[in-house]
N, C-alpha and C. Protein backbone atom coordinates (compact mmCIF):
# COMPACT_ATOMS: atom_id res chain seq x y z
N MET A 1 15.56 -31.23 13.47
CA MET A 1 14.53 -30.24 13.27
C MET A 1 14.56 -29.21 14.40
N ASN A 2 14.88 -29.63 15.60
CA ASN A 2 14.91 -28.73 16.74
C ASN A 2 15.98 -27.66 16.57
N LEU A 3 17.15 -28.07 16.08
CA LEU A 3 18.25 -27.12 15.89
C LEU A 3 17.91 -26.08 14.83
N ARG A 4 17.19 -26.48 13.79
CA ARG A 4 16.82 -25.53 12.74
C ARG A 4 15.93 -24.43 13.30
N TYR A 5 14.98 -24.80 14.13
CA TYR A 5 14.10 -23.78 14.71
C TYR A 5 14.85 -22.87 15.66
N ARG A 6 15.78 -23.41 16.41
CA ARG A 6 16.59 -22.58 17.32
C ARG A 6 17.45 -21.61 16.51
N LEU A 7 18.05 -22.09 15.41
CA LEU A 7 18.84 -21.21 14.56
C LEU A 7 17.97 -20.14 13.90
N LEU A 8 16.78 -20.52 13.47
CA LEU A 8 15.86 -19.55 12.90
C LEU A 8 15.49 -18.49 13.93
N GLY A 9 15.23 -18.91 15.16
CA GLY A 9 14.93 -17.95 16.22
C GLY A 9 16.09 -17.02 16.49
N GLY A 10 17.30 -17.57 16.49
CA GLY A 10 18.48 -16.72 16.68
C GLY A 10 18.66 -15.73 15.54
N PHE A 11 18.36 -16.15 14.32
CA PHE A 11 18.43 -15.25 13.17
C PHE A 11 17.40 -14.13 13.30
N ILE A 12 16.19 -14.47 13.73
CA ILE A 12 15.14 -13.46 13.92
C ILE A 12 15.55 -12.46 15.00
N VAL A 13 16.15 -12.94 16.08
CA VAL A 13 16.62 -12.05 17.14
C VAL A 13 17.71 -11.13 16.60
N GLY A 14 18.63 -11.68 15.82
CA GLY A 14 19.70 -10.88 15.24
C GLY A 14 19.16 -9.79 14.31
N CYS A 15 18.18 -10.15 13.51
CA CYS A 15 17.56 -9.15 12.62
C CYS A 15 16.86 -8.06 13.42
N GLY A 16 16.19 -8.46 14.50
CA GLY A 16 15.52 -7.48 15.36
C GLY A 16 16.51 -6.53 16.01
N LEU A 17 17.65 -7.06 16.44
CA LEU A 17 18.68 -6.20 17.03
C LEU A 17 19.26 -5.25 15.99
N ALA A 18 19.39 -5.70 14.75
CA ALA A 18 19.89 -4.83 13.69
C ALA A 18 18.90 -3.70 13.40
N VAL A 19 17.61 -4.01 13.42
CA VAL A 19 16.60 -2.98 13.21
C VAL A 19 16.59 -1.99 14.37
N CYS A 20 16.78 -2.48 15.60
CA CYS A 20 16.87 -1.58 16.75
C CYS A 20 18.09 -0.66 16.64
N TYR A 21 19.20 -1.19 16.14
CA TYR A 21 20.38 -0.35 15.92
C TYR A 21 20.09 0.71 14.86
N GLY A 22 19.35 0.34 13.84
CA GLY A 22 18.95 1.31 12.83
C GLY A 22 18.08 2.41 13.41
N ALA A 23 17.24 2.07 14.37
CA ALA A 23 16.43 3.09 15.04
C ALA A 23 17.31 4.06 15.81
N VAL A 24 18.35 3.55 16.43
CA VAL A 24 19.28 4.42 17.17
C VAL A 24 20.00 5.35 16.19
N VAL A 25 20.37 4.83 15.03
CA VAL A 25 21.08 5.64 14.04
C VAL A 25 20.15 6.72 13.46
N LEU A 26 18.87 6.40 13.28
CA LEU A 26 17.92 7.37 12.75
C LEU A 26 17.61 8.49 13.73
N TRP A 27 17.70 8.22 15.03
CA TRP A 27 17.32 9.21 16.04
C TRP A 27 18.23 10.43 15.92
N PRO A 28 17.65 11.63 15.86
CA PRO A 28 18.47 12.84 15.70
C PRO A 28 19.38 13.08 16.91
N ALA A 29 20.63 13.39 16.64
CA ALA A 29 21.59 13.67 17.71
C ALA A 29 21.28 15.03 18.33
N GLY A 30 21.40 15.12 19.63
CA GLY A 30 21.18 16.39 20.32
C GLY A 30 19.74 16.80 20.40
N LEU A 31 18.82 15.85 20.31
CA LEU A 31 17.40 16.20 20.32
C LEU A 31 16.98 16.78 21.66
N LEU A 32 17.52 16.25 22.75
CA LEU A 32 17.11 16.72 24.07
C LEU A 32 17.74 18.07 24.41
N ALA A 33 18.82 18.45 23.75
CA ALA A 33 19.49 19.71 24.05
C ALA A 33 18.86 20.88 23.30
N SER A 34 18.24 20.62 22.17
CA SER A 34 17.67 21.71 21.38
C SER A 34 16.16 21.49 21.23
N PRO A 35 15.43 22.56 20.94
CA PRO A 35 13.98 22.39 20.76
C PRO A 35 13.67 21.59 19.49
N LEU A 36 12.52 20.94 19.51
CA LEU A 36 12.09 20.10 18.39
C LEU A 36 11.66 20.98 17.22
N THR A 37 12.13 20.64 16.02
CA THR A 37 11.71 21.34 14.81
C THR A 37 10.95 20.36 13.92
N TRP A 38 10.18 20.92 13.01
CA TRP A 38 9.38 20.07 12.13
C TRP A 38 10.24 19.28 11.16
N SER A 39 11.44 19.73 10.90
CA SER A 39 12.30 18.99 9.97
C SER A 39 12.81 17.69 10.59
N GLU A 40 12.79 17.59 11.91
CA GLU A 40 13.25 16.36 12.58
C GLU A 40 12.11 15.38 12.82
N ALA A 41 10.88 15.80 12.61
CA ALA A 41 9.73 14.94 12.90
C ALA A 41 9.73 13.64 12.08
N PRO A 42 10.02 13.66 10.77
CA PRO A 42 10.04 12.39 10.03
C PRO A 42 11.12 11.42 10.53
N ARG A 43 12.27 11.94 10.92
CA ARG A 43 13.32 11.06 11.45
C ARG A 43 12.89 10.44 12.77
N ILE A 44 12.24 11.23 13.61
CA ILE A 44 11.77 10.71 14.90
C ILE A 44 10.70 9.65 14.68
N ALA A 45 9.76 9.93 13.76
CA ALA A 45 8.70 8.95 13.47
C ALA A 45 9.30 7.66 12.91
N GLY A 46 10.26 7.78 12.01
CA GLY A 46 10.91 6.59 11.45
C GLY A 46 11.67 5.81 12.50
N ALA A 47 12.33 6.53 13.40
CA ALA A 47 13.07 5.85 14.46
C ALA A 47 12.13 5.12 15.40
N LEU A 48 10.99 5.72 15.71
CA LEU A 48 10.03 5.06 16.60
C LEU A 48 9.42 3.82 15.95
N VAL A 49 9.10 3.92 14.67
CA VAL A 49 8.55 2.75 13.95
C VAL A 49 9.59 1.64 13.89
N ALA A 50 10.84 1.99 13.59
CA ALA A 50 11.90 0.98 13.52
C ALA A 50 12.13 0.35 14.89
N ALA A 51 12.07 1.14 15.95
CA ALA A 51 12.26 0.59 17.29
C ALA A 51 11.15 -0.40 17.65
N VAL A 52 9.92 -0.06 17.33
CA VAL A 52 8.80 -0.96 17.63
C VAL A 52 8.94 -2.27 16.84
N LEU A 53 9.27 -2.16 15.56
CA LEU A 53 9.44 -3.37 14.75
C LEU A 53 10.62 -4.20 15.23
N GLY A 54 11.70 -3.55 15.61
CA GLY A 54 12.87 -4.28 16.10
C GLY A 54 12.60 -5.01 17.39
N VAL A 55 11.93 -4.35 18.33
CA VAL A 55 11.60 -5.01 19.60
C VAL A 55 10.63 -6.16 19.36
N GLY A 56 9.69 -5.97 18.44
CA GLY A 56 8.78 -7.06 18.10
C GLY A 56 9.51 -8.26 17.52
N ASN A 57 10.49 -8.01 16.67
CA ASN A 57 11.28 -9.12 16.12
C ASN A 57 12.10 -9.82 17.19
N VAL A 58 12.66 -9.07 18.11
CA VAL A 58 13.45 -9.69 19.18
C VAL A 58 12.55 -10.59 20.02
N PHE A 59 11.37 -10.11 20.39
CA PHE A 59 10.46 -10.95 21.19
C PHE A 59 9.99 -12.17 20.40
N ALA A 60 9.69 -11.99 19.12
CA ALA A 60 9.27 -13.14 18.30
C ALA A 60 10.38 -14.17 18.18
N GLY A 61 11.60 -13.73 18.00
CA GLY A 61 12.72 -14.65 17.93
C GLY A 61 12.95 -15.38 19.24
N LEU A 62 12.79 -14.67 20.35
CA LEU A 62 12.95 -15.33 21.65
C LEU A 62 11.86 -16.36 21.90
N VAL A 63 10.66 -16.10 21.40
CA VAL A 63 9.58 -17.09 21.53
C VAL A 63 9.93 -18.34 20.74
N VAL A 64 10.47 -18.17 19.54
CA VAL A 64 10.85 -19.32 18.72
C VAL A 64 11.97 -20.09 19.39
N VAL A 65 12.93 -19.40 20.00
CA VAL A 65 14.06 -20.08 20.64
C VAL A 65 13.61 -20.80 21.91
N MET A 66 12.77 -20.18 22.71
CA MET A 66 12.41 -20.72 24.02
C MET A 66 11.27 -21.73 23.98
N ARG A 67 10.42 -21.67 22.97
CA ARG A 67 9.26 -22.56 22.92
C ARG A 67 9.70 -23.99 22.60
N PRO A 68 9.16 -24.97 23.30
CA PRO A 68 9.51 -26.36 22.97
C PRO A 68 8.94 -26.75 21.61
N PRO A 69 9.67 -27.55 20.84
CA PRO A 69 9.17 -27.92 19.51
C PRO A 69 7.95 -28.84 19.60
N VAL A 70 7.09 -28.72 18.63
CA VAL A 70 5.89 -29.55 18.56
C VAL A 70 6.24 -30.86 17.87
N LEU A 71 5.90 -31.97 18.50
CA LEU A 71 6.17 -33.28 17.91
C LEU A 71 5.19 -33.55 16.77
N GLN A 72 5.71 -34.15 15.69
CA GLN A 72 4.84 -34.44 14.55
C GLN A 72 4.39 -35.86 14.57
């Protein structure tokens, strides 16, 4: 049972890292070099939401991996 929870935690961390990578892909290239336009605002908002969700998944997965299992 302990190994299953560790594997589940690793899977959650992997999914969180994939979502964080998606946030990087959504972020507009060259944003800091050019002024912000309204057409880029939805991409920026989506990237920020994806980054927050990804980091939350990574932390949740690490809690599952690091927490000692509860005896039944």
